[in-house]
Amino acid sequence: MKTTLEIPDAIFRRAKSLAAERGIPLRALISEALADKLRTDNGSGKPWMAAFGKLRHLRKGTARINRFIEEEFEQIEAEDRL
């Protein structure tokens, strides 16, 4: 599909330069950039939400570390009471 876009001069020059560096047409760079934006934008307006839950696999390790820290602090508190 063909369309007309108004792109600020500075962004156009940077895009044209990057496309030339990669050896691809400007239209390919723009299509790739737009596809990336659409893929990562979840519509919430909060880019950090795309990563939400990605560290879930660390939950057990974090719980183990927190238990260890609690145990250590309990020992210190018991020593202070003497």
N, C-alpha and C. Protein backbone atom coordinates (compact mmCIF):
# COMPACT_ATOMS: atom_id res chain seq x y z
N MET A 1 0.85 -1.17 0.00
CA MET A 1 0.00 0.00 0.00
C MET A 1 0.89 1.24 0.00
N LYS A 2 0.51 2.20 -0.73
CA LYS A 2 1.26 3.46 -0.78
C LYS A 2 0.51 4.50 0.03
N THR A 3 1.30 5.34 0.71
CA THR A 3 0.72 6.43 1.48
C THR A 3 1.73 7.57 1.54
N THR A 4 1.29 8.71 1.96
CA THR A 4 2.17 9.86 2.11
C THR A 4 2.27 10.20 3.59
N LEU A 5 3.49 10.38 4.06
CA LEU A 5 3.73 10.73 5.45
C LEU A 5 4.54 12.01 5.52
N GLU A 6 4.29 12.78 6.57
CA GLU A 6 5.12 13.95 6.84
C GLU A 6 6.05 13.57 7.98
N ILE A 7 7.35 13.56 7.70
CA ILE A 7 8.37 13.18 8.68
C ILE A 7 9.28 14.39 8.89
N PRO A 8 9.55 14.73 10.13
CA PRO A 8 10.48 15.85 10.37
C PRO A 8 11.82 15.62 9.65
N ASP A 9 12.40 16.69 9.14
CA ASP A 9 13.64 16.59 8.35
C ASP A 9 14.75 15.84 9.08
N ALA A 10 14.95 16.14 10.35
CA ALA A 10 16.05 15.51 11.09
C ALA A 10 15.84 14.00 11.19
N ILE A 11 14.61 13.58 11.44
CA ILE A 11 14.33 12.14 11.54
C ILE A 11 14.48 11.49 10.17
N PHE A 12 14.02 12.15 9.14
CA PHE A 12 14.15 11.62 7.79
C PHE A 12 15.62 11.40 7.42
N ARG A 13 16.46 12.40 7.72
CA ARG A 13 17.89 12.27 7.39
C ARG A 13 18.53 11.11 8.14
N ARG A 14 18.19 10.97 9.44
CA ARG A 14 18.76 9.87 10.22
C ARG A 14 18.28 8.52 9.69
N ALA A 15 17.00 8.43 9.34
CA ALA A 15 16.45 7.18 8.81
C ALA A 15 17.09 6.84 7.47
N LYS A 16 17.21 7.82 6.62
CA LYS A 16 17.81 7.60 5.30
C LYS A 16 19.27 7.14 5.45
N SER A 17 19.99 7.75 6.38
CA SER A 17 21.38 7.38 6.63
C SER A 17 21.48 5.95 7.17
N LEU A 18 20.61 5.61 8.11
CA LEU A 18 20.64 4.27 8.68
C LEU A 18 20.29 3.21 7.63
N ALA A 19 19.31 3.51 6.80
CA ALA A 19 18.94 2.58 5.73
C ALA A 19 20.13 2.37 4.78
N ALA A 20 20.82 3.44 4.47
CA ALA A 20 22.00 3.33 3.59
C ALA A 20 23.10 2.51 4.25
N GLU A 21 23.32 2.71 5.55
CA GLU A 21 24.33 1.93 6.27
C GLU A 21 24.00 0.44 6.24
N ARG A 22 22.73 0.12 6.37
CA ARG A 22 22.29 -1.28 6.37
C ARG A 22 22.17 -1.85 4.96
N GLY A 23 22.17 -0.97 3.97
CA GLY A 23 22.05 -1.42 2.58
C GLY A 23 20.64 -1.86 2.23
N ILE A 24 19.65 -1.21 2.86
CA ILE A 24 18.26 -1.54 2.58
C ILE A 24 17.53 -0.28 2.16
N PRO A 25 16.43 -0.44 1.43
CA PRO A 25 15.65 0.76 1.04
C PRO A 25 15.03 1.42 2.27
N LEU A 26 14.79 2.71 2.16
CA LEU A 26 14.17 3.46 3.26
C LEU A 26 12.82 2.87 3.62
N ARG A 27 12.04 2.46 2.62
CA ARG A 27 10.72 1.89 2.89
C ARG A 27 10.83 0.62 3.73
N ALA A 28 11.89 -0.17 3.54
CA ALA A 28 12.09 -1.39 4.33
C ALA A 28 12.41 -1.03 5.78
N LEU A 29 13.25 -0.01 5.98
CA LEU A 29 13.59 0.43 7.33
C LEU A 29 12.35 0.94 8.06
N ILE A 30 11.54 1.74 7.37
CA ILE A 30 10.34 2.30 7.98
C ILE A 30 9.34 1.19 8.30
N SER A 31 9.18 0.23 7.40
CA SER A 31 8.27 -0.89 7.65
C SER A 31 8.73 -1.71 8.84
N GLU A 32 10.04 -1.95 8.92
CA GLU A 32 10.61 -2.71 10.04
C GLU A 32 10.41 -1.97 11.36
N ALA A 33 10.66 -0.67 11.36
CA ALA A 33 10.50 0.13 12.58
C ALA A 33 9.04 0.17 13.02
N LEU A 34 8.14 0.30 12.09
CA LEU A 34 6.72 0.34 12.43
C LEU A 34 6.25 -1.02 12.95
N ALA A 35 6.71 -2.10 12.33
CA ALA A 35 6.35 -3.44 12.80
C ALA A 35 6.88 -3.67 14.22
N ASP A 36 8.12 -3.24 14.50
CA ASP A 36 8.68 -3.37 15.84
C ASP A 36 7.85 -2.59 16.86
N LYS A 37 7.47 -1.39 16.51
CA LYS A 37 6.67 -0.56 17.41
C LYS A 37 5.32 -1.20 17.69
N LEU A 38 4.68 -1.72 16.68
CA LEU A 38 3.37 -2.36 16.86
C LEU A 38 3.48 -3.65 17.66
N ARG A 39 4.58 -4.36 17.51
CA ARG A 39 4.79 -5.61 18.24
C ARG A 39 5.02 -5.36 19.73
N THR A 40 5.72 -4.30 20.08
CA THR A 40 6.07 -4.04 21.48
C THR A 40 5.07 -3.14 22.19
N ASP A 41 4.21 -2.48 21.47
CA ASP A 41 3.23 -1.58 22.09
C ASP A 41 2.01 -2.38 22.48
N ASN A 42 1.77 -2.49 23.78
CA ASN A 42 0.61 -3.24 24.26
C ASN A 42 -0.62 -2.35 24.43
N GLY A 43 -0.53 -1.12 24.00
CA GLY A 43 -1.67 -0.23 24.05
C GLY A 43 -1.87 0.48 25.37
N SER A 44 -1.09 0.14 26.38
CA SER A 44 -1.30 0.75 27.68
C SER A 44 -0.60 2.09 27.81
N GLY A 45 0.31 2.39 26.89
CA GLY A 45 1.08 3.62 27.01
C GLY A 45 2.18 3.51 28.03
N LYS A 46 2.41 2.30 28.54
CA LYS A 46 3.46 2.07 29.54
C LYS A 46 4.43 1.04 28.98
N PRO A 47 5.54 1.48 28.38
CA PRO A 47 6.47 0.55 27.75
C PRO A 47 7.03 -0.51 28.71
N TRP A 48 7.12 -0.17 29.98
CA TRP A 48 7.67 -1.13 30.93
C TRP A 48 6.75 -2.33 31.11
N MET A 49 5.48 -2.20 30.76
CA MET A 49 4.54 -3.31 30.90
C MET A 49 4.89 -4.47 29.98
N ALA A 50 5.60 -4.21 28.88
CA ALA A 50 5.98 -5.28 27.97
C ALA A 50 6.89 -6.28 28.66
N ALA A 51 7.64 -5.83 29.66
CA ALA A 51 8.56 -6.72 30.37
C ALA A 51 7.96 -7.30 31.64
N PHE A 52 6.75 -6.91 31.97
CA PHE A 52 6.12 -7.36 33.21
C PHE A 52 6.02 -8.89 33.23
N GLY A 53 6.54 -9.48 34.30
CA GLY A 53 6.46 -10.92 34.46
C GLY A 53 7.62 -11.70 33.84
N LYS A 54 8.54 -11.03 33.19
CA LYS A 54 9.65 -11.72 32.52
C LYS A 54 10.62 -12.35 33.51
N LEU A 55 10.64 -11.89 34.76
CA LEU A 55 11.56 -12.44 35.76
C LEU A 55 10.87 -13.44 36.68
N ARG A 56 9.72 -13.92 36.26
CA ARG A 56 8.95 -14.85 37.08
C ARG A 56 9.77 -16.10 37.44
N HIS A 57 10.64 -16.52 36.54
CA HIS A 57 11.44 -17.73 36.79
C HIS A 57 12.41 -17.54 37.97
N LEU A 58 12.63 -16.32 38.40
CA LEU A 58 13.54 -16.05 39.52
C LEU A 58 12.81 -16.02 40.87
N ARG A 59 11.50 -16.22 40.87
CA ARG A 59 10.70 -16.08 42.08
C ARG A 59 11.15 -17.03 43.18
N LYS A 60 11.41 -18.30 42.86
CA LYS A 60 11.83 -19.28 43.87
C LYS A 60 13.19 -18.90 44.46
N GLY A 61 14.11 -18.46 43.62
CA GLY A 61 15.43 -18.05 44.09
C GLY A 61 15.35 -16.84 45.00
N THR A 62 14.50 -15.90 44.63
CA THR A 62 14.31 -14.70 45.46
C THR A 62 13.73 -15.07 46.81
N ALA A 63 12.77 -15.98 46.83
CA ALA A 63 12.16 -16.40 48.09
C ALA A 63 13.20 -17.09 48.97
N ARG A 64 14.07 -17.90 48.37
CA ARG A 64 15.11 -18.59 49.13
C ARG A 64 16.08 -17.57 49.74
N ILE A 65 16.47 -16.58 48.97
CA ILE A 65 17.38 -15.54 49.47
C ILE A 65 16.72 -14.75 50.60
N ASN A 66 15.44 -14.41 50.43
CA ASN A 66 14.73 -13.67 51.48
C ASN A 66 14.64 -14.48 52.77
N ARG A 67 14.40 -15.80 52.66
CA ARG A 67 14.36 -16.65 53.86
C ARG A 67 15.72 -16.66 54.55
N PHE A 68 16.78 -16.76 53.77
CA PHE A 68 18.14 -16.77 54.33
C PHE A 68 18.41 -15.46 55.07
N ILE A 69 18.02 -14.33 54.47
CA ILE A 69 18.23 -13.02 55.10
C ILE A 69 17.45 -12.94 56.41
N GLU A 70 16.18 -13.38 56.39
CA GLU A 70 15.37 -13.36 57.61
C GLU A 70 16.01 -14.22 58.71
N GLU A 71 16.49 -15.40 58.35
CA GLU A 71 17.14 -16.28 59.33
C GLU A 71 18.37 -15.61 59.94
N GLU A 72 19.15 -14.95 59.11
CA GLU A 72 20.36 -14.29 59.59
C GLU A 72 20.01 -13.14 60.53
N PHE A 73 18.99 -12.36 60.18
CA PHE A 73 18.60 -11.25 61.04
C PHE A 73 18.01 -11.74 62.36
N GLU A 74 17.31 -12.86 62.35
CA GLU A 74 16.79 -13.42 63.59
C GLU A 74 17.92 -13.82 64.51
N GLN A 75 19.01 -14.37 63.97
CA GLN A 75 20.15 -14.76 64.78
C GLN A 75 20.81 -13.54 65.40
N ILE A 76 20.95 -12.50 64.65
CA ILE A 76 21.57 -11.28 65.15
C ILE A 76 20.72 -10.68 66.26
N GLU A 77 19.41 -10.65 66.07
CA GLU A 77 18.52 -10.10 67.08
C GLU A 77 18.59 -10.91 68.37
N ALA A 78 18.70 -12.23 68.26
CA ALA A 78 18.79 -13.08 69.45
C ALA A 78 20.09 -12.79 70.22
N GLU A 79 21.17 -12.55 69.50
CA GLU A 79 22.46 -12.25 70.14
C GLU A 79 22.39 -10.90 70.85
N ASP A 80 21.71 -9.95 70.27
CA ASP A 80 21.62 -8.61 70.85
C ASP A 80 20.84 -8.64 72.18
N ARG A 81 19.96 -9.58 72.37
CA ARG A 81 19.13 -9.63 73.56
C ARG A 81 19.88 -10.13 74.78
N LEU A 82 21.01 -10.79 74.59
CA LEU A 82 21.76 -11.33 75.72
C LEU A 82 22.47 -10.29 76.53
